[in-house]
Amino acid sequence: MIPKIPVPKEMVKKVVKKVTLEVIYEVVEEQSTEIKADIAELKTDMEELKQKREEDFRFFNTKIDTSSTQLNQKIDTVNTQLNQKIDGVCTQLNQKIDTVNSQLTQKIDTVSTQLTQKIDTVSTQLTQKIDTVSTQLTQKIDTQVGQVRQEIGQVRQEVGQVRQEVGLLNQRIDGLGQKIDTQVGQVNQKIDSQFVQVRQEISQLSQAILQFIVAKQKES
């Protein structure tokens, strides 16, 4: 029998730690090698992709350049054709406009001459009519003015006669006023005299009544 040697726990812990660390280091080294290999493969793939992209870009650039040149050429040709057509249409329109302008000017000239002739004839007719109407009106006005003047003279004569009659009436009214004033004075005098007489008679009657009353009192 081999005698058991007691092993301290600290030693066991250290040994376990060393063993676990060595195992971990080995695992990490294996994984790191694998990761490095994967990274290297990825780098190569990326470089290949970059090269393909560069080639694709070059190809597309060349296509774009060729297509752009072709488009520019087509645009230039279309522009030239359009410019030629526009120039032709403009010349045709200008010719038509010139012809229309000339025709319109001729028509306007003829119409203006006709209108001026018509206006002249109408103006002469109107002036003749105005002259005839003015002469007729002046004659009528003159006759009416003469009649009105005669009527005014007659009215003035009638007004003078009325004034004379009014003066006579005023004289008669003044005379009647004087007569009325004299008659009123006479009536007032008569009334005053009668009033005085009535007062005297009333005083006499009052004295007689008093005397009669006194006598009656004495008899009683």
Protein backbone atom coordinates (compact mmCIF):
# COMPACT_ATOMS: atom_id res chain seq x y z
CA MET A 1 0.00 0.00 0.00
CA ILE A 2 1.32 3.39 -1.02
CA PRO A 3 0.79 5.82 1.69
CA LYS A 4 -1.46 8.77 0.78
CA ILE A 5 0.28 12.05 0.87
CA PRO A 6 -1.96 14.88 1.89
CA VAL A 7 -2.13 17.58 -0.84
CA PRO A 8 -2.95 21.06 0.21
CA LYS A 9 -6.03 22.63 -1.32
CA GLU A 10 -4.14 25.71 -2.51
CA MET A 11 -1.88 23.56 -4.59
CA VAL A 12 -4.85 21.82 -6.10
CA LYS A 13 -6.42 25.16 -6.97
CA LYS A 14 -3.25 26.41 -8.61
CA VAL A 15 -2.87 23.25 -10.64
CA VAL A 16 -6.50 23.38 -11.75
CA LYS A 17 -6.05 27.02 -12.72
CA LYS A 18 -2.96 26.25 -14.75
CA VAL A 19 -4.61 23.37 -16.51
CA THR A 20 -7.74 25.35 -17.30
CA LEU A 21 -5.67 28.29 -18.52
CA GLU A 22 -3.62 26.06 -20.79
CA VAL A 23 -6.78 24.53 -22.20
CA ILE A 24 -8.30 27.95 -22.70
CA TYR A 25 -5.15 29.21 -24.40
CA GLU A 26 -5.17 26.24 -26.75
CA VAL A 27 -8.83 26.75 -27.59
CA VAL A 28 -8.28 30.46 -28.13
CA GLU A 29 -5.28 29.81 -30.37
CA GLU A 30 -7.26 27.33 -32.44
CA GLN A 31 -10.19 29.73 -32.77
CA SER A 32 -7.89 32.65 -33.54
CA THR A 33 -6.17 30.67 -36.29
CA GLU A 34 -9.56 29.77 -37.73
CA ILE A 35 -10.71 33.39 -37.47
CA LYS A 36 -7.50 34.60 -39.10
CA ALA A 37 -8.03 32.16 -41.93
CA ASP A 38 -11.63 33.33 -42.36
CA ILE A 39 -10.46 36.94 -42.33
CA ALA A 40 -7.88 36.20 -44.98
CA GLU A 41 -10.54 34.55 -47.15
CA LEU A 42 -12.81 37.55 -46.65
CA LYS A 43 -10.01 39.92 -47.64
CA THR A 44 -9.40 37.97 -50.82
CA ASP A 45 -13.13 37.95 -51.57
CA MET A 46 -13.33 41.70 -50.95
CA GLU A 47 -10.40 42.35 -53.26
CA GLU A 48 -12.03 40.24 -55.96
CA LEU A 49 -15.30 42.12 -55.48
CA LYS A 50 -13.47 45.44 -55.68
CA GLN A 51 -11.83 44.42 -58.90
CA LYS A 52 -15.18 43.28 -60.33
CA ARG A 53 -16.83 46.53 -59.26
CA GLU A 54 -14.06 48.58 -60.81
CA GLU A 55 -14.41 46.63 -64.01
CA ASP A 56 -18.20 47.05 -63.93
CA PHE A 57 -17.83 50.78 -63.30
CA ARG A 58 -15.42 51.10 -66.17
CA PHE A 59 -17.77 49.17 -68.43
CA PHE A 60 -20.78 51.30 -67.41
CA ASN A 61 -18.79 54.51 -67.80
CA THR A 62 -17.78 53.54 -71.29
CA LYS A 63 -21.41 52.69 -72.13
CA ILE A 64 -22.62 55.96 -70.63
CA ASP A 65 -20.04 57.93 -72.59
CA THR A 66 -20.99 56.23 -75.84
CA SER A 67 -24.72 56.63 -75.20
CA SER A 68 -24.27 60.27 -74.20
CA THR A 69 -22.33 61.02 -77.38
CA GLN A 70 -24.99 59.27 -79.46
CA LEU A 71 -27.75 61.18 -77.67
CA ASN A 72 -25.93 64.45 -78.16
CA GLN A 73 -25.56 63.72 -81.85
CA LYS A 74 -29.27 62.85 -82.13
CA ILE A 75 -30.22 65.98 -80.20
CA ASP A 76 -28.06 68.11 -82.46
CA THR A 77 -29.64 66.62 -85.57
CA VAL A 78 -33.15 67.07 -84.14
CA ASN A 79 -32.35 70.67 -83.17
CA THR A 80 -31.07 71.45 -86.63
CA GLN A 81 -34.15 69.90 -88.21
CA LEU A 82 -36.47 71.78 -85.84
CA ASN A 83 -34.63 75.03 -86.47
CA GLN A 84 -34.93 74.53 -90.21
CA LYS A 85 -38.67 73.77 -89.89
CA ILE A 86 -39.20 76.75 -87.56
CA ASP A 87 -37.35 79.03 -89.97
CA GLY A 88 -39.50 77.79 -92.84
CA VAL A 89 -42.71 78.26 -90.86
CA CYS A 90 -41.60 81.73 -89.73
CA THR A 91 -40.89 82.79 -93.30
CA GLN A 92 -44.27 81.49 -94.44
CA LEU A 93 -46.02 83.25 -91.54
CA ASN A 94 -44.19 86.48 -92.24
CA GLN A 95 -45.22 86.31 -95.89
CA LYS A 96 -48.84 85.61 -94.94
CA ILE A 97 -48.78 88.44 -92.37
CA ASP A 98 -47.37 90.83 -94.95
CA THR A 99 -50.06 89.89 -97.47
CA VAL A 100 -52.80 90.19 -94.85
CA ASN A 101 -51.42 93.55 -93.70
CA SER A 102 -51.37 94.85 -97.24
CA GLN A 103 -54.93 93.64 -97.87
CA LEU A 104 -56.12 95.15 -94.58
CA THR A 105 -54.45 98.47 -95.29
CA GLN A 106 -56.10 98.60 -98.71
CA LYS A 107 -59.50 97.76 -97.22
CA ILE A 108 -59.00 100.31 -94.44
CA ASP A 109 -58.05 102.97 -96.96
CA THR A 110 -61.13 102.26 -99.11
CA VAL A 111 -63.42 102.19 -96.06
CA SER A 112 -61.89 105.38 -94.68
CA THR A 113 -62.40 107.18 -98.01
CA GLN A 114 -66.00 105.97 -98.20
CA LEU A 115 -66.62 107.03 -94.60
CA THR A 116 -65.08 110.46 -95.18
CA GLN A 117 -67.26 110.93 -98.26
CA LYS A 118 -70.37 109.85 -96.34
CA ILE A 119 -69.43 112.09 -93.41
CA ASP A 120 -68.90 115.03 -95.75
CA THR A 121 -72.30 114.49 -97.43
CA VAL A 122 -74.04 114.04 -94.09
CA SER A 123 -72.33 117.10 -92.63
CA THR A 124 -73.37 119.21 -95.64
CA GLN A 125 -76.95 117.97 -95.39
CA LEU A 126 -76.99 118.63 -91.65
CA THR A 127 -75.58 122.13 -92.10
CA GLN A 128 -78.25 122.88 -94.73
CA LYS A 129 -80.98 121.54 -92.44
CA ILE A 130 -79.58 123.48 -89.50
CA ASP A 131 -79.48 126.66 -91.58
CA THR A 132 -83.09 126.21 -92.73
CA VAL A 133 -84.27 125.37 -89.22
CA SER A 134 -82.35 128.31 -87.77
CA THR A 135 -83.90 130.71 -90.29
CA GLN A 136 -87.38 129.34 -89.60
CA LEU A 137 -86.79 129.56 -85.87
CA THR A 138 -85.49 133.12 -86.13
CA GLN A 139 -88.55 134.12 -88.17
CA LYS A 140 -90.90 132.46 -85.69
CA ILE A 141 -89.04 134.03 -82.78
CA ASP A 142 -89.18 137.44 -84.40
CA THR A 143 -92.95 137.14 -85.01
CA GLN A 144 -93.53 135.84 -81.51
CA VAL A 145 -91.34 138.59 -80.03
CA GLY A 146 -93.37 141.22 -81.96
CA GLN A 147 -96.60 139.70 -80.70
CA VAL A 148 -95.26 139.58 -77.17
CA ARG A 149 -94.17 143.19 -77.40
CA GLN A 150 -97.62 144.21 -78.60
CA GLU A 151 -99.22 142.24 -75.79
CA ILE A 152 -96.83 143.85 -73.30
CA GLY A 153 -97.83 147.29 -74.58
CA GLN A 154 -101.49 146.40 -74.20
CA VAL A 155 -100.83 145.08 -70.72
CA ARG A 156 -99.01 148.27 -69.82
CA GLN A 157 -101.97 150.32 -71.01
CA GLU A 158 -104.34 148.13 -69.02
CA VAL A 159 -102.06 148.45 -65.98
CA GLY A 160 -102.14 152.26 -66.35
CA GLN A 161 -105.91 152.21 -66.52
CA VAL A 162 -106.06 149.96 -63.49
CA ARG A 163 -103.74 152.30 -61.64
CA GLN A 164 -105.98 155.25 -62.47
CA GLU A 165 -109.02 153.33 -61.30
CA VAL A 166 -107.18 152.30 -58.13
CA GLY A 167 -106.32 155.98 -57.50
CA LEU A 168 -109.95 156.94 -57.90
CA LEU A 169 -110.97 154.13 -55.58
CA ASN A 170 -108.41 155.27 -53.05
CA GLN A 171 -109.79 158.82 -53.26
CA ARG A 172 -113.32 157.51 -52.79
CA ILE A 173 -112.17 155.34 -49.90
CA ASP A 174 -110.44 158.33 -48.32
CA GLY A 175 -113.64 160.40 -48.68
CA LEU A 176 -115.73 157.64 -47.22
CA GLY A 177 -113.26 157.32 -44.34
CA GLN A 178 -113.53 160.97 -43.58
CA LYS A 179 -117.34 160.76 -43.70
CA ILE A 180 -117.31 157.73 -41.47
CA ASP A 181 -114.96 159.47 -39.04
CA THR A 182 -117.29 162.50 -38.86
CA GLN A 183 -120.34 160.32 -38.45
CA VAL A 184 -118.59 158.26 -35.77
CA GLY A 185 -117.63 161.48 -33.94
CA GLN A 186 -121.20 162.70 -34.10
CA VAL A 187 -122.49 159.34 -32.84
CA ASN A 188 -119.94 159.36 -30.03
CA GLN A 189 -121.01 162.87 -29.06
CA LYS A 190 -124.67 161.81 -29.09
CA ILE A 191 -123.87 158.75 -27.01
CA ASP A 192 -121.90 160.85 -24.53
CA SER A 193 -124.74 163.37 -24.21
CA GLN A 194 -127.32 160.66 -23.79
CA PHE A 195 -125.10 158.91 -21.25
CA VAL A 196 -124.87 162.14 -19.27
CA GLN A 197 -128.61 162.55 -19.41
CA VAL A 198 -129.13 158.96 -18.29
CA ARG A 199 -126.77 159.52 -15.37
CA GLN A 200 -128.65 162.65 -14.36
CA GLU A 201 -131.96 160.85 -14.61
CA ILE A 202 -130.60 157.92 -12.56
CA SER A 203 -129.34 160.31 -9.88
CA GLN A 204 -132.72 162.08 -9.81
CA LEU A 205 -134.54 158.75 -9.52
CA SER A 206 -132.24 157.60 -6.75
CA GLN A 207 -132.88 160.88 -4.83
CA ALA A 208 -136.63 160.49 -5.28
CA ILE A 209 -136.52 156.93 -4.08
CA LEU A 210 -134.55 157.99 -1.02
CA GLN A 211 -137.03 160.75 -0.25
CA PHE A 212 -139.90 158.32 -0.66
CA ILE A 213 -138.24 155.82 1.70
CA VAL A 214 -137.57 158.54 4.26
CA ALA A 215 -141.17 159.68 4.09
CA LYS A 216 -142.45 156.17 4.59
CA GLN A 217 -140.22 155.73 7.59
CA LYS A 218 -141.47 158.92 9.11
CA GLU A 219 -145.12 157.90 8.63
CA SER A 220 -144.53 154.55 10.27
